[in-house]
Amino acid sequence: FTIMPVKSFRGEVIDVAISIEKTLLTCYGAKGQGIATRLSTAIKPINSELKRSIKKIGGVRNKLAHVENYKFEGDQDEFLKECIWARDSLKLAGESLEPNERPISIPSPARISAGFISALNRVISLNNSILNPPKDDNVTN
């Protein structure tokens, strides 16, 4: 049997960052190089908590890769848990897309006009009346 070497903190963070970059590219329609650019160009929405986490991961990854003798000051185990949570959350949310499918952009409720909402409510009401016709008390089964 073979003993697998344990990855260093630096190696783990860089691997997770690479996975996040790939997911942003393949599942979110992002463009460019690096986490920050891909995060800002993602077509599919990403919640703000996840965005903050991904930005933090990108910053630490860049320091680990480019700053000589960089020493992470926080709790490495907790940061790695955050990295894995961010990677897995991003992948899970992105999996709802079919390969090569581009997500559509849905406007926030604040941007939808009152006229559109009124028309939508009429369509829903009409649909409900077709699917659930009123009961006639005079008809016996």
C-alpha atoms as a PDB file:
ATOM      1  CA  PHE A   1       0.000   0.000   0.000  1.00  0.00           C
ATOM      2  CA  THR A   2       1.079   3.578  -0.667  1.00  0.00           C
ATOM      3  CA  ILE A   3       1.128   6.381   1.867  1.00  0.00           C
ATOM      4  CA  MET A   4      -0.120   9.602   0.325  1.00  0.00           C
ATOM      5  CA  PRO A   5       1.784  12.691   1.413  1.00  0.00           C
ATOM      6  CA  VAL A   6      -0.236  15.265   3.340  1.00  0.00           C
ATOM      7  CA  LYS A   7      -0.637  18.490   1.410  1.00  0.00           C
ATOM      8  CA  SER A   8       0.613  21.684   2.925  1.00  0.00           C
ATOM      9  CA  PHE A   9      -1.722  24.542   3.823  1.00  0.00           C
ATOM     10  CA  ARG A  10      -0.345  26.425   0.818  1.00  0.00           C
ATOM     11  CA  GLY A  11      -1.034  23.484  -1.503  1.00  0.00           C
ATOM     12  CA  GLU A  12      -4.573  22.997  -0.200  1.00  0.00           C
ATOM     13  CA  VAL A  13      -5.499  26.677  -0.616  1.00  0.00           C
ATOM     14  CA  ILE A  14      -4.041  26.838  -4.122  1.00  0.00           C
ATOM     15  CA  ASP A  15      -5.856  23.632  -5.161  1.00  0.00           C
ATOM     16  CA  VAL A  16      -9.184  24.950  -3.851  1.00  0.00           C
ATOM     17  CA  ALA A  17      -8.610  28.292  -5.594  1.00  0.00           C
ATOM     18  CA  ILE A  18      -7.949  26.482  -8.895  1.00  0.00           C
ATOM     19  CA  SER A  19     -11.170  24.495  -8.442  1.00  0.00           C
ATOM     20  CA  ILE A  20     -13.151  27.702  -7.732  1.00  0.00           C
ATOM     21  CA  GLU A  21     -11.674  29.391 -10.823  1.00  0.00           C
ATOM     22  CA  LYS A  22     -12.629  26.387 -12.976  1.00  0.00           C
ATOM     23  CA  THR A  23     -16.177  26.289 -11.578  1.00  0.00           C
ATOM     24  CA  LEU A  24     -16.642  30.012 -12.213  1.00  0.00           C
ATOM     25  CA  LEU A  25     -15.519  29.465 -15.802  1.00  0.00           C
ATOM     26  CA  THR A  26     -17.485  26.305 -16.582  1.00  0.00           C
ATOM     27  CA  CYS A  27     -20.687  26.736 -14.557  1.00  0.00           C
ATOM     28  CA  TYR A  28     -21.105  30.486 -14.237  1.00  0.00           C
ATOM     29  CA  GLY A  29     -20.043  31.715 -17.679  1.00  0.00           C
ATOM     30  CA  ALA A  30     -17.226  33.803 -16.190  1.00  0.00           C
ATOM     31  CA  LYS A  31     -14.362  35.145 -18.258  1.00  0.00           C
ATOM     32  CA  GLY A  32     -10.796  36.224 -17.633  1.00  0.00           C
ATOM     33  CA  GLN A  33      -7.969  35.019 -15.448  1.00  0.00           C
ATOM     34  CA  GLY A  34      -7.993  34.669 -11.685  1.00  0.00           C
ATOM     35  CA  ILE A  35     -10.680  34.480  -9.068  1.00  0.00           C
ATOM     36  CA  ALA A  36     -11.426  38.208  -8.778  1.00  0.00           C
ATOM     37  CA  THR A  37     -11.922  38.725 -12.524  1.00  0.00           C
ATOM     38  CA  ARG A  38     -13.972  35.576 -12.945  1.00  0.00           C
ATOM     39  CA  LEU A  39     -16.091  36.432  -9.916  1.00  0.00           C
ATOM     40  CA  SER A  40     -16.869  39.890 -11.315  1.00  0.00           C
ATOM     41  CA  THR A  41     -17.743  38.526 -14.779  1.00  0.00           C
ATOM     42  CA  ALA A  42     -19.900  35.575 -13.665  1.00  0.00           C
ATOM     43  CA  ILE A  43     -23.258  35.522 -15.457  1.00  0.00           C
ATOM     44  CA  LYS A  44     -25.071  33.464 -12.834  1.00  0.00           C
ATOM     45  CA  PRO A  45     -25.716  35.311  -9.563  1.00  0.00           C
ATOM     46  CA  ILE A  46     -23.651  34.359  -6.521  1.00  0.00           C
ATOM     47  CA  ASN A  47     -24.825  35.299  -3.037  1.00  0.00           C
ATOM     48  CA  SER A  48     -22.890  37.994  -1.193  1.00  0.00           C
ATOM     49  CA  GLU A  49     -21.635  35.739   1.623  1.00  0.00           C
ATOM     50  CA  LEU A  50     -20.146  33.314  -0.891  1.00  0.00           C
ATOM     51  CA  LYS A  51     -18.655  36.180  -2.918  1.00  0.00           C
ATOM     52  CA  ARG A  52     -16.922  37.573   0.204  1.00  0.00           C
ATOM     53  CA  SER A  53     -15.505  34.163   1.007  1.00  0.00           C
ATOM     54  CA  ILE A  54     -14.247  33.618  -2.536  1.00  0.00           C
ATOM     55  CA  LYS A  55     -12.595  37.064  -2.605  1.00  0.00           C
ATOM     56  CA  LYS A  56     -10.864  36.277   0.694  1.00  0.00           C
ATOM     57  CA  ILE A  57      -9.662  32.924  -0.657  1.00  0.00           C
ATOM     58  CA  GLY A  58      -8.330  34.645  -3.788  1.00  0.00           C
ATOM     59  CA  GLY A  59      -6.428  37.181  -1.699  1.00  0.00           C
ATOM     60  CA  VAL A  60      -4.815  34.539   0.516  1.00  0.00           C
ATOM     61  CA  ARG A  61      -4.041  32.367  -2.511  1.00  0.00           C
ATOM     62  CA  ASN A  62      -2.289  35.284  -4.236  1.00  0.00           C
ATOM     63  CA  LYS A  63      -0.183  36.023  -1.148  1.00  0.00           C
ATOM     64  CA  LEU A  64       0.730  32.352  -0.748  1.00  0.00           C
ATOM     65  CA  ALA A  65       1.742  32.145  -4.403  1.00  0.00           C
ATOM     66  CA  HIS A  66       3.503  35.491  -4.813  1.00  0.00           C
ATOM     67  CA  VAL A  67       4.721  36.839  -1.458  1.00  0.00           C
ATOM     68  CA  GLU A  68       7.993  35.318  -0.348  1.00  0.00           C
ATOM     69  CA  ASN A  69       7.783  33.788   3.150  1.00  0.00           C
ATOM     70  CA  TYR A  70       4.123  34.754   3.553  1.00  0.00           C
ATOM     71  CA  LYS A  71       2.718  33.473   6.855  1.00  0.00           C
ATOM     72  CA  PHE A  72      -1.059  33.177   7.174  1.00  0.00           C
ATOM     73  CA  GLU A  73      -2.023  34.846  10.455  1.00  0.00           C
ATOM     74  CA  GLY A  74      -5.418  33.201  11.031  1.00  0.00           C
ATOM     75  CA  ASP A  75      -6.513  29.712  12.042  1.00  0.00           C
ATOM     76  CA  GLN A  76      -5.437  27.517   9.120  1.00  0.00           C
ATOM     77  CA  ASP A  77      -7.925  24.734   9.872  1.00  0.00           C
ATOM     78  CA  GLU A  78     -10.850  27.172  10.023  1.00  0.00           C
ATOM     79  CA  PHE A  79      -9.712  28.873   6.820  1.00  0.00           C
ATOM     80  CA  LEU A  80      -9.453  25.516   5.026  1.00  0.00           C
ATOM     81  CA  LYS A  81     -12.998  24.687   6.190  1.00  0.00           C
ATOM     82  CA  GLU A  82     -14.147  28.008   4.712  1.00  0.00           C
ATOM     83  CA  CYS A  83     -12.296  27.226   1.473  1.00  0.00           C
ATOM     84  CA  ILE A  84     -13.969  23.830   1.161  1.00  0.00           C
ATOM     85  CA  TRP A  85     -17.386  25.293   2.027  1.00  0.00           C
ATOM     86  CA  ALA A  86     -16.978  27.986  -0.654  1.00  0.00           C
ATOM     87  CA  ARG A  87     -15.764  25.520  -3.284  1.00  0.00           C
ATOM     88  CA  ASP A  88     -18.554  23.024  -2.589  1.00  0.00           C
ATOM     89  CA  SER A  89     -21.291  25.684  -2.320  1.00  0.00           C
ATOM     90  CA  LEU A  90     -20.230  27.234  -5.622  1.00  0.00           C
ATOM     91  CA  LYS A  91     -20.190  23.840  -7.360  1.00  0.00           C
ATOM     92  CA  LEU A  92     -23.536  22.811  -5.899  1.00  0.00           C
ATOM     93  CA  ALA A  93     -25.241  26.031  -7.008  1.00  0.00           C
ATOM     94  CA  GLY A  94     -23.618  25.807 -10.446  1.00  0.00           C
ATOM     95  CA  GLU A  95     -24.673  22.196 -11.039  1.00  0.00           C
ATOM     96  CA  SER A  96     -28.245  23.246 -11.746  1.00  0.00           C
ATOM     97  CA  LEU A  97     -27.072  24.345 -15.208  1.00  0.00           C
ATOM     98  CA  GLU A  98     -26.788  21.916 -18.077  1.00  0.00           C
ATOM     99  CA  PRO A  99     -23.401  21.774 -19.839  1.00  0.00           C
ATOM    100  CA  ASN A 100     -23.023  24.734 -22.241  1.00  0.00           C
ATOM    101  CA  GLU A 101     -26.295  26.260 -20.973  1.00  0.00           C
ATOM    102  CA  ARG A 102     -26.104  29.940 -20.228  1.00  0.00           C
ATOM    103  CA  PRO A 103     -28.093  31.082 -17.216  1.00  0.00           C
ATOM    104  CA  ILE A 104     -30.722  33.751 -17.729  1.00  0.00           C
ATOM    105  CA  SER A 105     -30.691  36.918 -15.719  1.00  0.00           C
ATOM    106  CA  ILE A 106     -33.847  37.341 -13.655  1.00  0.00           C
ATOM    107  CA  PRO A 107     -34.564  40.915 -12.570  1.00  0.00           C
ATOM    108  CA  SER A 108     -35.049  41.629  -8.907  1.00  0.00           C
ATOM    109  CA  PRO A 109     -38.669  42.135  -7.787  1.00  0.00           C
ATOM    110  CA  ALA A 110     -37.987  45.850  -7.349  1.00  0.00           C
ATOM    111  CA  ARG A 111     -37.300  46.175 -11.085  1.00  0.00           C
ATOM    112  CA  ILE A 112     -40.464  44.398 -12.247  1.00  0.00           C
ATOM    113  CA  SER A 113     -43.189  46.876 -13.147  1.00  0.00           C
ATOM    114  CA  ALA A 114     -46.580  46.889 -11.436  1.00  0.00           C
ATOM    115  CA  GLY A 115     -48.249  46.393 -14.849  1.00  0.00           C
ATOM    116  CA  PHE A 116     -46.257  43.247 -15.466  1.00  0.00           C
ATOM    117  CA  ILE A 117     -47.138  41.872 -12.034  1.00  0.00           C
ATOM    118  CA  SER A 118     -50.827  42.654 -12.617  1.00  0.00           C
ATOM    119  CA  ALA A 119     -50.766  40.855 -15.988  1.00  0.00           C
ATOM    120  CA  LEU A 120     -48.933  37.909 -14.437  1.00  0.00           C
ATOM    121  CA  ASN A 121     -51.538  37.661 -11.665  1.00  0.00           C
ATOM    122  CA  ARG A 122     -54.322  37.600 -14.301  1.00  0.00           C
ATOM    123  CA  VAL A 123     -52.602  34.758 -16.156  1.00  0.00           C
ATOM    124  CA  ILE A 124     -52.151  32.804 -12.917  1.00  0.00           C
ATOM    125  CA  SER A 125     -55.793  33.397 -11.991  1.00  0.00           C
ATOM    126  CA  LEU A 126     -56.986  32.278 -15.438  1.00  0.00           C
ATOM    127  CA  ASN A 127     -54.748  29.208 -15.263  1.00  0.00           C
ATOM    128  CA  ASN A 128     -56.133  28.304 -11.817  1.00  0.00           C
ATOM    129  CA  SER A 129     -59.732  28.680 -13.023  1.00  0.00           C
ATOM    130  CA  ILE A 130     -59.053  26.345 -15.955  1.00  0.00           C
ATOM    131  CA  LEU A 131     -57.316  23.748 -13.798  1.00  0.00           C
ATOM    132  CA  ASN A 132     -59.841  23.979 -10.936  1.00  0.00           C
ATOM    133  CA  PRO A 133     -63.311  24.706 -12.390  1.00  0.00           C
ATOM    134  CA  PRO A 134     -65.936  25.790  -9.858  1.00  0.00           C
ATOM    135  CA  LYS A 135     -67.961  22.960  -8.417  1.00  0.00           C
ATOM    136  CA  ASP A 136     -71.615  22.836  -9.440  1.00  0.00           C
ATOM    137  CA  ASP A 137     -73.709  21.808  -6.441  1.00  0.00           C
ATOM    138  CA  ASN A 138     -76.525  20.642  -8.742  1.00  0.00           C
ATOM    139  CA  VAL A 139     -74.414  17.953 -10.400  1.00  0.00           C
ATOM    140  CA  THR A 140     -74.365  14.531  -8.768  1.00  0.00           C
ATOM    141  CA  ASN A 141     -71.687  11.951  -9.312  1.00  0.00           C
END
